[in-house]
PDB file of N, CA and C in Angstrom:
ATOM      1  N   UNK A   1       0.664  -1.208   0.178  1.00  0.00           N
ATOM      2  CA  UNK A   1      -0.104   0.009   0.051  1.00  0.00           C
ATOM      3  C   UNK A   1       0.871   1.213  -0.088  1.00  0.00           C
ATOM      4  N   UNK A   2       2.159   1.034   0.479  1.00  0.00           N
ATOM      5  CA  UNK A   2       2.965   2.481   0.618  1.00  0.00           C
ATOM      6  C   UNK A   2       3.461   2.727  -0.591  1.00  0.00           C
ATOM      7  N   UNK A   3       3.912   1.559  -1.314  1.00  0.00           N
ATOM      8  CA  UNK A   3       4.332   1.910  -2.705  1.00  0.00           C
ATOM      9  C   UNK A   3       3.329   2.269  -3.834  1.00  0.00           C
ATOM     10  N   UNK A   4       1.867   2.207  -3.343  1.00  0.00           N
ATOM     11  CA  UNK A   4       0.899   2.489  -4.274  1.00  0.00           C
ATOM     12  C   UNK A   4       0.684   4.053  -3.902  1.00  0.00           C
ATOM     13  N   UNK A   5       0.847   4.462  -2.590  1.00  0.00           N
ATOM     14  CA  UNK A   5       0.831   5.848  -2.333  1.00  0.00           C
ATOM     15  C   UNK A   5       1.897   6.516  -2.748  1.00  0.00           C
ATOM     16  N   UNK A   6       3.091   6.257  -2.880  1.00  0.00           N
ATOM     17  CA  UNK A   6       4.232   6.689  -3.475  1.00  0.00           C
ATOM     18  C   UNK A   6       4.195   6.883  -5.056  1.00  0.00           C
ATOM     19  N   UNK A   7       3.819   6.198  -5.536  1.00  0.00           N
ATOM     20  CA  UNK A   7       3.347   5.997  -7.221  1.00  0.00           C
ATOM     21  C   UNK A   7       2.407   6.874  -7.345  1.00  0.00           C
ATOM     22  N   UNK A   8       1.274   7.014  -6.646  1.00  0.00           N
ATOM     23  CA  UNK A   8       0.072   8.062  -6.654  1.00  0.00           C
ATOM     24  C   UNK A   8       0.837   9.452  -6.505  1.00  0.00           C
ATOM     25  N   UNK A   9       1.687   9.601  -5.663  1.00  0.00           N
ATOM     26  CA  UNK A   9       2.124  11.093  -5.221  1.00  0.00           C
ATOM     27  C   UNK A   9       3.054  11.443  -6.350  1.00  0.00           C
ATOM     28  N   UNK A  10       3.930  10.330  -6.837  1.00  0.00           N
ATOM     29  CA  UNK A  10       4.731  11.105  -7.849  1.00  0.00           C
ATOM     30  C   UNK A  10       4.033  11.263  -9.287  1.00  0.00           C
ATOM     31  N   UNK A  11       3.043  10.472  -9.347  1.00  0.00           N
ATOM     32  CA  UNK A  11       2.138  10.477 -10.819  1.00  0.00           C
ATOM     33  C   UNK A  11       1.482  11.911 -10.557  1.00  0.00           C
ATOM     34  N   UNK A  12       1.060  12.192  -9.491  1.00  0.00           N
ATOM     35  CA  UNK A  12       0.014  13.399  -9.331  1.00  0.00           C
ATOM     36  C   UNK A  12       1.187  14.615  -9.552  1.00  0.00           C
ATOM     37  N   UNK A  13       2.184  14.483  -8.800  1.00  0.00           N
ATOM     38  CA  UNK A  13       3.245  15.653  -8.814  1.00  0.00           C
ATOM     39  C   UNK A  13       3.669  15.884 -10.335  1.00  0.00           C
ATOM     40  N   UNK A  14       4.069  14.874 -11.060  1.00  0.00           N
ATOM     41  CA  UNK A  14       4.550  15.068 -12.191  1.00  0.00           C
ATOM     42  C   UNK A  14       3.487  15.670 -13.433  1.00  0.00           C
ATOM     43  N   UNK A  15       2.224  14.784 -13.309  1.00  0.00           N
ATOM     44  CA  UNK A  15       1.062  15.302 -13.907  1.00  0.00           C
ATOM     45  C   UNK A  15       0.873  16.906 -13.966  1.00  0.00           C
ATOM     46  N   UNK A  16       0.718  17.384 -12.719  1.00  0.00           N
ATOM     47  CA  UNK A  16       0.644  18.563 -12.149  1.00  0.00           C
ATOM     48  C   UNK A  16       1.591  19.487 -12.662  1.00  0.00           C
ATOM     49  N   UNK A  17       2.820  19.305 -12.722  1.00  0.00           N
ATOM     50  CA  UNK A  17       4.052  19.850 -13.191  1.00  0.00           C
ATOM     51  C   UNK A  17       3.993  19.973 -14.671  1.00  0.00           C
ATOM     52  N   UNK A  18       3.694  18.958 -15.492  1.00  0.00           N
ATOM     53  CA  UNK A  18       3.611  18.997 -16.939  1.00  0.00           C
ATOM     54  C   UNK A  18       2.219  19.814 -17.212  1.00  0.00           C
ATOM     55  N   UNK A  19       1.215  19.813 -16.487  1.00  0.00           N
ATOM     56  CA  UNK A  19       0.060  20.449 -16.752  1.00  0.00           C
ATOM     57  C   UNK A  19       0.261  21.994 -16.687  1.00  0.00           C
ATOM     58  N   UNK A  20       1.047  22.414 -15.587  1.00  0.00           N
ATOM     59  CA  UNK A  20       1.496  23.896 -15.300  1.00  0.00           C
ATOM     60  C   UNK A  20       2.268  24.468 -16.476  1.00  0.00           C
ATOM     61  N   UNK A  21       3.042  23.537 -17.055  1.00  0.00           N
ATOM     62  CA  UNK A  21       3.966  23.692 -17.927  1.00  0.00           C
ATOM     63  C   UNK A  21       3.296  24.136 -19.348  1.00  0.00           C
ATOM     64  N   UNK A  22       2.166  23.137 -19.570  1.00  0.00           N
ATOM     65  CA  UNK A  22       1.477  23.112 -20.520  1.00  0.00           C
ATOM     66  C   UNK A  22       0.388  24.359 -20.808  1.00  0.00           C
ATOM     67  N   UNK A  23       0.141  25.031 -19.637  1.00  0.00           N
ATOM     68  CA  UNK A  23      -0.617  26.105 -19.458  1.00  0.00           C
ATOM     69  C   UNK A  23       0.160  27.547 -19.620  1.00  0.00           C
ATOM     70  N   UNK A  24       1.554  27.418 -19.200  1.00  0.00           N
ATOM     71  CA  UNK A  24       2.212  28.594 -19.132  1.00  0.00           C
ATOM     72  C   UNK A  24       2.667  28.982 -20.640  1.00  0.00           C
ATOM     73  N   UNK A  25       2.768  30.143 -20.999  1.00  0.00           N
ATOM     74  CA  UNK A  25       3.052  30.774 -22.382  1.00  0.00           C
ATOM     75  C   UNK A  25       4.482  29.995 -22.985  1.00  0.00           C
ATOM     76  N   UNK A  26       4.438  29.563 -24.136  1.00  0.00           N
ATOM     77  CA  UNK A  26       3.387  29.635 -25.113  1.00  0.00           C
ATOM     78  C   UNK A  26       2.547  28.397 -24.973  1.00  0.00           C
ATOM     79  N   UNK A  27       1.226  28.881 -24.954  1.00  0.00           N
ATOM     80  CA  UNK A  27       0.057  28.003 -24.526  1.00  0.00           C
ATOM     81  C   UNK A  27      -0.022  26.713 -25.325  1.00  0.00           C
ATOM     82  N   UNK A  28       0.038  25.710 -24.807  1.00  0.00           N
ATOM     83  CA  UNK A  28      -0.296  24.374 -25.591  1.00  0.00           C
ATOM     84  C   UNK A  28       0.935  23.662 -26.099  1.00  0.00           C
ATOM     85  N   UNK A  29       2.029  24.175 -25.618  1.00  0.00           N
ATOM     86  CA  UNK A  29       3.215  23.497 -26.045  1.00  0.00           C
ATOM     87  C   UNK A  29       4.019  23.376 -24.679  1.00  0.00           C
ATOM     88  N   UNK A  30       4.676  22.227 -24.813  1.00  0.00           N
ATOM     89  CA  UNK A  30       5.677  21.903 -23.901  1.00  0.00           C
ATOM     90  C   UNK A  30       7.335  22.487 -24.240  1.00  0.00           C
ATOM     91  N   UNK A  31       7.519  23.521 -23.628  1.00  0.00           N
ATOM     92  CA  UNK A  31       8.649  24.171 -23.772  1.00  0.00           C
ATOM     93  C   UNK A  31       9.787  23.424 -23.216  1.00  0.00           C
ATOM     94  N   UNK A  32       9.619  23.146 -21.946  1.00  0.00           N
ATOM     95  CA  UNK A  32      10.606  22.141 -21.274  1.00  0.00           C
ATOM     96  C   UNK A  32       9.942  20.848 -21.178  1.00  0.00           C
ATOM     97  N   UNK A  33      10.908  19.762 -21.309  1.00  0.00           N
ATOM     98  CA  UNK A  33      10.449  18.545 -21.026  1.00  0.00           C
ATOM     99  C   UNK A  33      10.891  17.498 -19.905  1.00  0.00           C
ATOM    100  N   UNK A  34      11.946  18.341 -19.221  1.00  0.00           N
ATOM    101  CA  UNK A  34      12.392  17.585 -17.959  1.00  0.00           C
ATOM    102  C   UNK A  34      11.649  18.602 -16.938  1.00  0.00           C
ATOM    103  N   UNK A  35      11.270  17.684 -16.107  1.00  0.00           N
ATOM    104  CA  UNK A  35      10.530  18.226 -14.783  1.00  0.00           C
ATOM    105  C   UNK A  35      11.322  19.227 -14.003  1.00  0.00           C
ATOM    106  N   UNK A  36      12.708  18.908 -13.796  1.00  0.00           N
ATOM    107  CA  UNK A  36      13.619  19.701 -13.164  1.00  0.00           C
ATOM    108  C   UNK A  36      13.595  21.026 -13.648  1.00  0.00           C
ATOM    109  N   UNK A  37      13.800  21.038 -15.105  1.00  0.00           N
ATOM    110  CA  UNK A  37      13.765  22.442 -15.938  1.00  0.00           C
ATOM    111  C   UNK A  37      12.516  23.025 -15.851  1.00  0.00           C
ATOM    112  N   UNK A  38      11.446  22.363 -15.651  1.00  0.00           N
ATOM    113  CA  UNK A  38       9.948  23.228 -15.509  1.00  0.00           C
ATOM    114  C   UNK A  38       9.975  23.668 -14.032  1.00  0.00           C
ATOM    115  N   UNK A  39      10.445  23.102 -13.035  1.00  0.00           N
ATOM    116  CA  UNK A  39      10.430  23.496 -11.586  1.00  0.00           C
ATOM    117  C   UNK A  39      11.466  24.786 -11.607  1.00  0.00           C
ATOM    118  N   UNK A  40      12.546  24.639 -12.204  1.00  0.00           N
ATOM    119  CA  UNK A  40      13.576  25.752 -12.208  1.00  0.00           C
ATOM    120  C   UNK A  40      12.723  26.881 -12.956  1.00  0.00           C
ATOM    121  N   UNK A  41      12.121  26.824 -13.965  1.00  0.00           N
ATOM    122  CA  UNK A  41      11.596  27.801 -14.561  1.00  0.00           C
ATOM    123  C   UNK A  41      10.608  28.535 -13.930  1.00  0.00           C
ATOM    124  N   UNK A  42       9.564  27.846 -13.158  1.00  0.00           N
ATOM    125  CA  UNK A  42       8.668  28.182 -12.226  1.00  0.00           C
ATOM    126  C   UNK A  42       9.248  29.099 -11.163  1.00  0.00           C
ATOM    127  N   UNK A  43      10.334  28.545 -10.505  1.00  0.00           N
ATOM    128  CA  UNK A  43      11.010  29.272  -9.320  1.00  0.00           C
ATOM    129  C   UNK A  43      11.628  30.653  -9.833  1.00  0.00           C
ATOM    130  N   UNK A  44      12.138  30.409 -11.282  1.00  0.00           N
ATOM    131  CA  UNK A  44      12.819  31.852 -11.598  1.00  0.00           C
ATOM    132  C   UNK A  44      11.610  32.864 -11.903  1.00  0.00           C
ATOM    133  N   UNK A  45      10.433  32.270 -12.311  1.00  0.00           N
ATOM    134  CA  UNK A  45       9.331  33.417 -12.272  1.00  0.00           C
ATOM    135  C   UNK A  45       8.811  33.987 -11.143  1.00  0.00           C
ATOM    136  N   UNK A  46       8.747  32.996 -10.072  1.00  0.00           N
ATOM    137  CA  UNK A  46       8.470  33.438  -8.710  1.00  0.00           C
ATOM    138  C   UNK A  46       9.636  34.526  -8.231  1.00  0.00           C
ATOM    139  N   UNK A  47      10.861  34.123  -8.464  1.00  0.00           N
ATOM    140  CA  UNK A  47      12.011  35.095  -7.914  1.00  0.00           C
ATOM    141  C   UNK A  47      11.900  36.529  -8.522  1.00  0.00           C
ATOM    142  N   UNK A  48      11.576  36.277 -10.027  1.00  0.00           N
ATOM    143  CA  UNK A  48      11.141  37.853 -10.733  1.00  0.00           C
ATOM    144  C   UNK A  48      10.049  38.591 -10.208  1.00  0.00           C
ATOM    145  N   UNK A  49       8.753  37.559  -9.940  1.00  0.00           N
ATOM    146  CA  UNK A  49       7.448  38.312  -9.604  1.00  0.00           C
ATOM    147  C   UNK A  49       7.492  38.654  -8.214  1.00  0.00           C
ATOM    148  N   UNK A  50       7.991  37.828  -7.333  1.00  0.00           N
ATOM    149  CA  UNK A  50       7.826  38.061  -5.673  1.00  0.00           C
ATOM    150  C   UNK A  50       9.065  38.830  -5.354  1.00  0.00           C
ATOM    151  N   UNK A  51      10.386  38.668  -5.958  1.00  0.00           N
ATOM    152  CA  UNK A  51      11.531  39.236  -5.528  1.00  0.00           C
ATOM    153  C   UNK A  51      12.186  38.447  -4.337  1.00  0.00           C
ATOM    154  N   UNK A  52      11.996  37.051  -3.925  1.00  0.00           N
ATOM    155  CA  UNK A  52      12.640  36.489  -3.118  1.00  0.00           C
ATOM    156  C   UNK A  52      14.009  35.856  -3.643  1.00  0.00           C
ATOM    157  N   UNK A  53      14.800  35.202  -2.862  1.00  0.00           N
ATOM    158  CA  UNK A  53      15.697  34.725  -3.414  1.00  0.00           C
ATOM    159  C   UNK A  53      15.520  33.342  -4.124  1.00  0.00           C
ATOM    160  N   UNK A  54      16.659  32.830  -4.863  1.00  0.00           N
ATOM    161  CA  UNK A  54      16.340  31.608  -5.465  1.00  0.00           C
ATOM    162  C   UNK A  54      16.184  30.330  -4.980  1.00  0.00           C
ATOM    163  N   UNK A  55      16.845  30.230  -3.932  1.00  0.00           N
ATOM    164  CA  UNK A  55      16.754  28.954  -3.075  1.00  0.00           C
ATOM    165  C   UNK A  55      15.334  28.856  -2.600  1.00  0.00           C
ATOM    166  N   UNK A  56      14.899  30.096  -1.915  1.00  0.00           N
ATOM    167  CA  UNK A  56      13.697  30.197  -1.458  1.00  0.00           C
ATOM    168  C   UNK A  56      12.611  30.009  -2.270  1.00  0.00           C
ATOM    169  N   UNK A  57      12.659  30.490  -3.465  1.00  0.00           N
ATOM    170  CA  UNK A  57      11.652  30.490  -4.613  1.00  0.00           C
ATOM    171  C   UNK A  57      11.429  29.101  -5.016  1.00  0.00           C
ATOM    172  N   UNK A  58      12.529  28.323  -5.096  1.00  0.00           N
ATOM    173  CA  UNK A  58      12.441  26.888  -5.626  1.00  0.00           C
ATOM    174  C   UNK A  58      12.076  26.102  -4.344  1.00  0.00           C
ATOM    175  N   UNK A  59      12.215  26.117  -3.194  1.00  0.00           N
ATOM    176  CA  UNK A  59      11.498  25.574  -2.102  1.00  0.00           C
ATOM    177  C   UNK A  59      10.064  25.857  -2.127  1.00  0.00           C
ATOM    178  N   UNK A  60       9.448  27.042  -2.386  1.00  0.00           N
ATOM    179  CA  UNK A  60       8.261  27.458  -2.393  1.00  0.00           C
ATOM    180  C   UNK A  60       7.615  26.828  -3.586  1.00  0.00           C
ATOM    181  N   UNK A  61       8.211  26.785  -4.639  1.00  0.00           N
ATOM    182  CA  UNK A  61       7.691  26.183  -5.815  1.00  0.00           C
ATOM    183  C   UNK A  61       7.198  24.465  -5.595  1.00  0.00           C
ATOM    184  N   UNK A  62       8.373  24.019  -5.126  1.00  0.00           N
ATOM    185  CA  UNK A  62       8.076  22.562  -4.712  1.00  0.00           C
ATOM    186  C   UNK A  62       6.653  22.331  -3.843  1.00  0.00           C
ATOM    187  N   UNK A  63       6.877  23.142  -2.854  1.00  0.00           N
ATOM    188  CA  UNK A  63       5.773  23.180  -1.739  1.00  0.00           C
ATOM    189  C   UNK A  63       4.622  23.343  -2.212  1.00  0.00           C
ATOM    190  N   UNK A  64       4.336  24.408  -3.173  1.00  0.00           N
ATOM    191  CA  UNK A  64       3.176  24.675  -3.557  1.00  0.00           C
ATOM    192  C   UNK A  64       2.652  23.567  -4.736  1.00  0.00           C
ATOM    193  N   UNK A  65       3.599  22.953  -5.461  1.00  0.00           N
ATOM    194  CA  UNK A  65       3.151  21.786  -6.276  1.00  0.00           C
ATOM    195  C   UNK A  65       2.915  20.642  -5.559  1.00  0.00           C
ATOM    196  N   UNK A  66       3.667  20.342  -4.642  1.00  0.00           N
ATOM    197  CA  UNK A  66       3.546  19.375  -3.914  1.00  0.00           C
ATOM    198  C   UNK A  66       2.298  18.905  -2.631  1.00  0.00           C
ATOM    199  N   UNK A  67       1.856  20.237  -2.485  1.00  0.00           N
ATOM    200  CA  UNK A  67       0.668  20.058  -1.423  1.00  0.00           C
ATOM    201  C   UNK A  67      -0.554  19.537  -1.898  1.00  0.00           C
ATOM    202  N   UNK A  68      -0.862  19.654  -3.335  1.00  0.00           N
ATOM    203  CA  UNK A  68      -1.999  18.876  -3.791  1.00  0.00           C
ATOM    204  C   UNK A  68      -2.020  17.390  -3.880  1.00  0.00           C
ATOM    205  N   UNK A  69      -0.761  16.834  -4.271  1.00  0.00           N
ATOM    206  CA  UNK A  69      -0.680  15.619  -4.410  1.00  0.00           C
ATOM    207  C   UNK A  69      -0.384  14.714  -2.934  1.00  0.00           C
ATOM    208  N   UNK A  70       0.160  15.619  -2.203  1.00  0.00           N
ATOM    209  CA  UNK A  70      -0.139  15.351  -0.415  1.00  0.00           C
ATOM    210  C   UNK A  70      -1.317  15.050  -0.039  1.00  0.00           C
ATOM    211  N   UNK A  71      -1.962  16.131  -0.235  1.00  0.00           N
ATOM    212  CA  UNK A  71      -3.567  16.138   0.157  1.00  0.00           C
ATOM    213  C   UNK A  71      -4.345  14.880  -0.467  1.00  0.00           C
ATOM    214  N   UNK A  72      -4.011  14.699  -1.711  1.00  0.00           N
ATOM    215  CA  UNK A  72      -4.764  13.611  -2.263  1.00  0.00           C
ATOM    216  C   UNK A  72      -4.275  12.204  -1.517  1.00  0.00           C
ATOM    217  N   UNK A  73      -3.058  11.913  -1.338  1.00  0.00           N
ATOM    218  CA  UNK A  73      -2.668  10.792  -0.594  1.00  0.00           C
ATOM    219  C   UNK A  73      -3.106  10.637   0.677  1.00  0.00           C
ATOM    220  N   UNK A  74      -3.171  11.666   1.325  1.00  0.00           N
ATOM    221  CA  UNK A  74      -3.873  11.587   2.704  1.00  0.00           C
ATOM    222  C   UNK A  74      -5.345  11.130   2.588  1.00  0.00           C
ATOM    223  N   UNK A  75      -6.071  11.958   1.907  1.00  0.00           N
ATOM    224  CA  UNK A  75      -7.376  11.509   1.644  1.00  0.00           C
ATOM    225  C   UNK A  75      -7.737  10.114   1.359  1.00  0.00           C
ATOM    226  N   UNK A  76      -6.895   9.582   0.522  1.00  0.00           N
ATOM    227  CA  UNK A  76      -6.907   8.334  -0.170  1.00  0.00           C
ATOM    228  C   UNK A  76      -6.547   7.081   1.144  1.00  0.00           C
ATOM    229  N   UNK A  77      -5.671   7.512   1.923  1.00  0.00           N
ATOM    230  CA  UNK A  77      -5.279   6.872   2.969  1.00  0.00           C
ATOM    231  C   UNK A  77      -6.224   6.850   3.938  1.00  0.00           C
ATOM    232  N   UNK A  78      -6.962   7.873   4.545  1.00  0.00           N
ATOM    233  CA  UNK A  78      -8.080   7.582   5.400  1.00  0.00           C
ATOM    234  C   UNK A  78      -9.216   7.094   4.734  1.00  0.00           C
ATOM    235  N   UNK A  79      -9.591   7.202   3.465  1.00  0.00           N
ATOM    236  CA  UNK A  79     -10.610   6.343   2.845  1.00  0.00           C
ATOM    237  C   UNK A  79     -10.271   4.800   3.103  1.00  0.00           C
ATOM    238  N   UNK A  80      -9.234   4.452   2.621  1.00  0.00           N
ATOM    239  CA  UNK A  80      -8.660   2.939   2.768  1.00  0.00           C
ATOM    240  C   UNK A  80      -8.689   2.466   4.247  1.00  0.00           C
ATOM    241  N   UNK A  81      -8.226   3.326   5.137  1.00  0.00           N
ATOM    242  CA  UNK A  81      -8.462   2.871   6.239  1.00  0.00           C
ATOM    243  C   UNK A  81      -9.637   2.615   6.943  1.00  0.00           C
ATOM    244  N   UNK A  82     -10.287   3.421   6.653  1.00  0.00           N
ATOM    245  CA  UNK A  82     -11.618   3.330   7.085  1.00  0.00           C
ATOM    246  C   UNK A  82     -12.418   2.117   6.623  1.00  0.00           C
ATOM    247  N   UNK A  83     -12.320   1.945   5.348  1.00  0.00           N
ATOM    248  CA  UNK A  83     -12.565   0.582   4.552  1.00  0.00           C
ATOM    249  C   UNK A  83     -12.169  -0.722   5.407  1.00  0.00           C
ATOM    250  N   UNK A  84     -10.717  -0.456   5.461  1.00  0.00           N
ATOM    251  CA  UNK A  84     -10.269  -1.709   6.089  1.00  0.00           C
ATOM    252  C   UNK A  84     -10.559  -2.276   7.412  1.00  0.00           C
ATOM    253  N   UNK A  85     -10.993  -1.051   8.283  1.00  0.00           N
ATOM    254  CA  UNK A  85     -11.600  -1.429   9.519  1.00  0.00           C
ATOM    255  C   UNK A  85     -13.016  -1.931   9.405  1.00  0.00           C
ATOM    256  N   UNK A  86     -13.747  -1.559   8.445  1.00  0.00           N
ATOM    257  CA  UNK A  86     -15.053  -1.963   8.298  1.00  0.00           C
ATOM    258  C   UNK A  86     -15.138  -3.592   8.014  1.00  0.00           C
ATOM    259  N   UNK A  87     -14.289  -3.825   7.199  1.00  0.00           N
ATOM    260  CA  UNK A  87     -14.355  -5.348   6.560  1.00  0.00           C
ATOM    261  C   UNK A  87     -13.306  -6.134   7.408  1.00  0.00           C
ATOM    262  N   UNK A  88     -12.620  -5.780   8.513  1.00  0.00           N
ATOM    263  CA  UNK A  88     -11.884  -6.372   9.306  1.00  0.00           C
ATOM    264  C   UNK A  88     -12.118  -7.685  10.003  1.00  0.00           C
ATOM    265  N   UNK A  89     -13.391  -7.667  10.430  1.00  0.00           N
ATOM    266  CA  UNK A  89     -14.022  -8.858  11.207  1.00  0.00           C
ATOM    267  C   UNK A  89     -14.995  -9.318  10.473  1.00  0.00           C
ATOM    268  N   UNK A  90     -15.314  -8.978   9.176  1.00  0.00           N
ATOM    269  CA  UNK A  90     -16.446  -9.318   8.502  1.00  0.00           C
ATOM    270  C   UNK A  90     -16.341 -10.931   8.275  1.00  0.00           C
ATOM    271  N   UNK A  91     -15.152 -11.605   7.882  1.00  0.00           N
ATOM    272  CA  UNK A  91     -15.071 -12.804   7.417  1.00  0.00           C
ATOM    273  C   UNK A  91     -14.770 -14.032   8.600  1.00  0.00           C
ATOM    274  N   UNK A  92     -14.847 -13.378   9.977  1.00  0.00           N
ATOM    275  CA  UNK A  92     -14.585 -14.360  10.909  1.00  0.00           C
ATOM    276  C   UNK A  92     -15.712 -14.894  11.337  1.00  0.00           C
TER     277      UNK A  92
END
């Protein structure tokens, strides 16, 4: 189950990263293909717009993109845990 959660987190994280790159100008094209280049591009955009340091912007970028997959994995974990508790003693 832990491996499934890890794969789900990484999949949602990469999907969200590529989705953001797909929506950024030029619209509808993947200018960068490597996920690290996409994150670097987003952090440079934050550095330019907000005016924070590059290291802080990179951490903020990963945090902002990573919060959605983390919430999805936590909600899935709660749902499966509740289902396991309901069916635990059903077959005895």
